[in-house]
Amino acid sequence: MVNSRRHQMGVRMALGASPEQVVASAGKIVAIGIATGLAPTVALHPALRSMVFGVSPLYWMSLRARAE
């Protein structure tokens, strides 16, 4: 996935896009990915609480483990 994005960014810059435009489009993709992953986690927080013992389901390390 990263390799194809790198190629896509190179093509955009070769066609005349500024680095700011390329970074902005990548930032949008990252923001959408975070929102897509975080929204269900927050919505399912009560159910996750019963499955995770001793750690909050919204603890940053448990969120990171679910992302990988």
C-alpha atoms as a PDB file:
ATOM      1  CA  MET A   1       0.000   0.000   0.000  1.00  0.00           C
ATOM      2  CA  VAL A   2       2.745   2.462   0.920  1.00  0.00           C
ATOM      3  CA  ASN A   3       4.700   1.644  -2.216  1.00  0.00           C
ATOM      4  CA  SER A   4       1.712   2.381  -4.476  1.00  0.00           C
ATOM      5  CA  ARG A   5       1.059   5.657  -2.622  1.00  0.00           C
ATOM      6  CA  ARG A   6       4.708   6.648  -3.077  1.00  0.00           C
ATOM      7  CA  HIS A   7       4.403   6.003  -6.804  1.00  0.00           C
ATOM      8  CA  GLN A   8       1.142   7.968  -6.943  1.00  0.00           C
ATOM      9  CA  MET A   9       2.745  10.921  -5.152  1.00  0.00           C
ATOM     10  CA  GLY A  10       5.666  10.861  -7.569  1.00  0.00           C
ATOM     11  CA  VAL A  11       3.330  10.881 -10.560  1.00  0.00           C
ATOM     12  CA  ARG A  12       1.334  13.794  -9.133  1.00  0.00           C
ATOM     13  CA  MET A  13       4.484  15.813  -8.555  1.00  0.00           C
ATOM     14  CA  ALA A  14       5.771  14.985 -12.050  1.00  0.00           C
ATOM     15  CA  LEU A  15       2.483  16.276 -13.464  1.00  0.00           C
ATOM     16  CA  GLY A  16       2.921  19.594 -11.657  1.00  0.00           C
ATOM     17  CA  ALA A  17       1.363  19.221  -8.216  1.00  0.00           C
ATOM     18  CA  SER A  18       3.127  21.148  -5.493  1.00  0.00           C
ATOM     19  CA  PRO A  19       4.481  19.295  -2.451  1.00  0.00           C
ATOM     20  CA  GLU A  20       1.824  21.055  -0.331  1.00  0.00           C
ATOM     21  CA  GLN A  21      -0.952  19.620  -2.515  1.00  0.00           C
ATOM     22  CA  VAL A  22       0.489  16.126  -2.297  1.00  0.00           C
ATOM     23  CA  VAL A  23       0.869  16.316   1.485  1.00  0.00           C
ATOM     24  CA  ALA A  24      -2.661  17.720   1.844  1.00  0.00           C
ATOM     25  CA  SER A  25      -4.158  14.831  -0.128  1.00  0.00           C
ATOM     26  CA  ALA A  26      -2.176  12.312   1.937  1.00  0.00           C
ATOM     27  CA  GLY A  27      -3.342  14.053   5.119  1.00  0.00           C
ATOM     28  CA  LYS A  28      -6.966  13.668   4.043  1.00  0.00           C
ATOM     29  CA  ILE A  29      -6.457   9.950   3.524  1.00  0.00           C
ATOM     30  CA  VAL A  30      -4.875   9.603   6.966  1.00  0.00           C
ATOM     31  CA  ALA A  31      -7.696  11.575   8.608  1.00  0.00           C
ATOM     32  CA  ILE A  32     -10.330   9.398   6.937  1.00  0.00           C
ATOM     33  CA  GLY A  33      -8.511   6.259   8.101  1.00  0.00           C
ATOM     34  CA  ILE A  34      -8.299   7.466  11.690  1.00  0.00           C
ATOM     35  CA  ALA A  35     -11.973   8.463  11.733  1.00  0.00           C
ATOM     36  CA  THR A  36     -12.975   5.144  10.178  1.00  0.00           C
ATOM     37  CA  GLY A  37     -11.124   3.200  12.858  1.00  0.00           C
ATOM     38  CA  LEU A  38     -11.879   5.397  15.848  1.00  0.00           C
ATOM     39  CA  ALA A  39     -15.629   5.852  15.310  1.00  0.00           C
ATOM     40  CA  PRO A  40     -16.515   2.130  15.671  1.00  0.00           C
ATOM     41  CA  THR A  41     -14.166   1.831  18.646  1.00  0.00           C
ATOM     42  CA  VAL A  42     -15.925   4.633  20.490  1.00  0.00           C
ATOM     43  CA  ALA A  43     -19.358   3.319  19.459  1.00  0.00           C
ATOM     44  CA  LEU A  44     -18.529  -0.210  20.624  1.00  0.00           C
ATOM     45  CA  HIS A  45     -16.813   0.942  23.820  1.00  0.00           C
ATOM     46  CA  PRO A  46     -19.405  -0.653  26.173  1.00  0.00           C
ATOM     47  CA  ALA A  47     -19.116  -4.040  24.460  1.00  0.00           C
ATOM     48  CA  LEU A  48     -15.332  -3.849  24.338  1.00  0.00           C
ATOM     49  CA  ARG A  49     -15.170  -2.990  28.038  1.00  0.00           C
ATOM     50  CA  SER A  50     -16.618  -6.412  28.908  1.00  0.00           C
ATOM     51  CA  MET A  51     -14.019  -8.180  26.730  1.00  0.00           C
ATOM     52  CA  VAL A  52     -10.878  -6.332  27.827  1.00  0.00           C
ATOM     53  CA  PHE A  53      -9.909  -6.944  31.447  1.00  0.00           C
ATOM     54  CA  GLY A  54      -7.761  -4.485  33.353  1.00  0.00           C
ATOM     55  CA  VAL A  55      -7.284  -2.074  30.425  1.00  0.00           C
ATOM     56  CA  SER A  56      -9.654   0.554  29.084  1.00  0.00           C
ATOM     57  CA  PRO A  57     -10.699  -0.160  25.476  1.00  0.00           C
ATOM     58  CA  LEU A  58      -9.817   3.458  24.670  1.00  0.00           C
ATOM     59  CA  TYR A  59      -6.266   3.160  26.052  1.00  0.00           C
ATOM     60  CA  TRP A  60      -3.873   4.234  23.295  1.00  0.00           C
ATOM     61  CA  MET A  61      -1.822   1.020  23.348  1.00  0.00           C
ATOM     62  CA  SER A  62      -4.910  -1.168  22.916  1.00  0.00           C
ATOM     63  CA  LEU A  63      -6.070   1.069  20.046  1.00  0.00           C
ATOM     64  CA  ARG A  64      -2.671   0.707  18.395  1.00  0.00           C
ATOM     65  CA  ALA A  65      -2.720  -3.073  18.792  1.00  0.00           C
ATOM     66  CA  ARG A  66      -6.130  -3.251  17.111  1.00  0.00           C
ATOM     67  CA  ALA A  67      -4.878  -1.098  14.232  1.00  0.00           C
ATOM     68  CA  GLU A  68      -2.068  -3.522  13.357  1.00  0.00           C
END
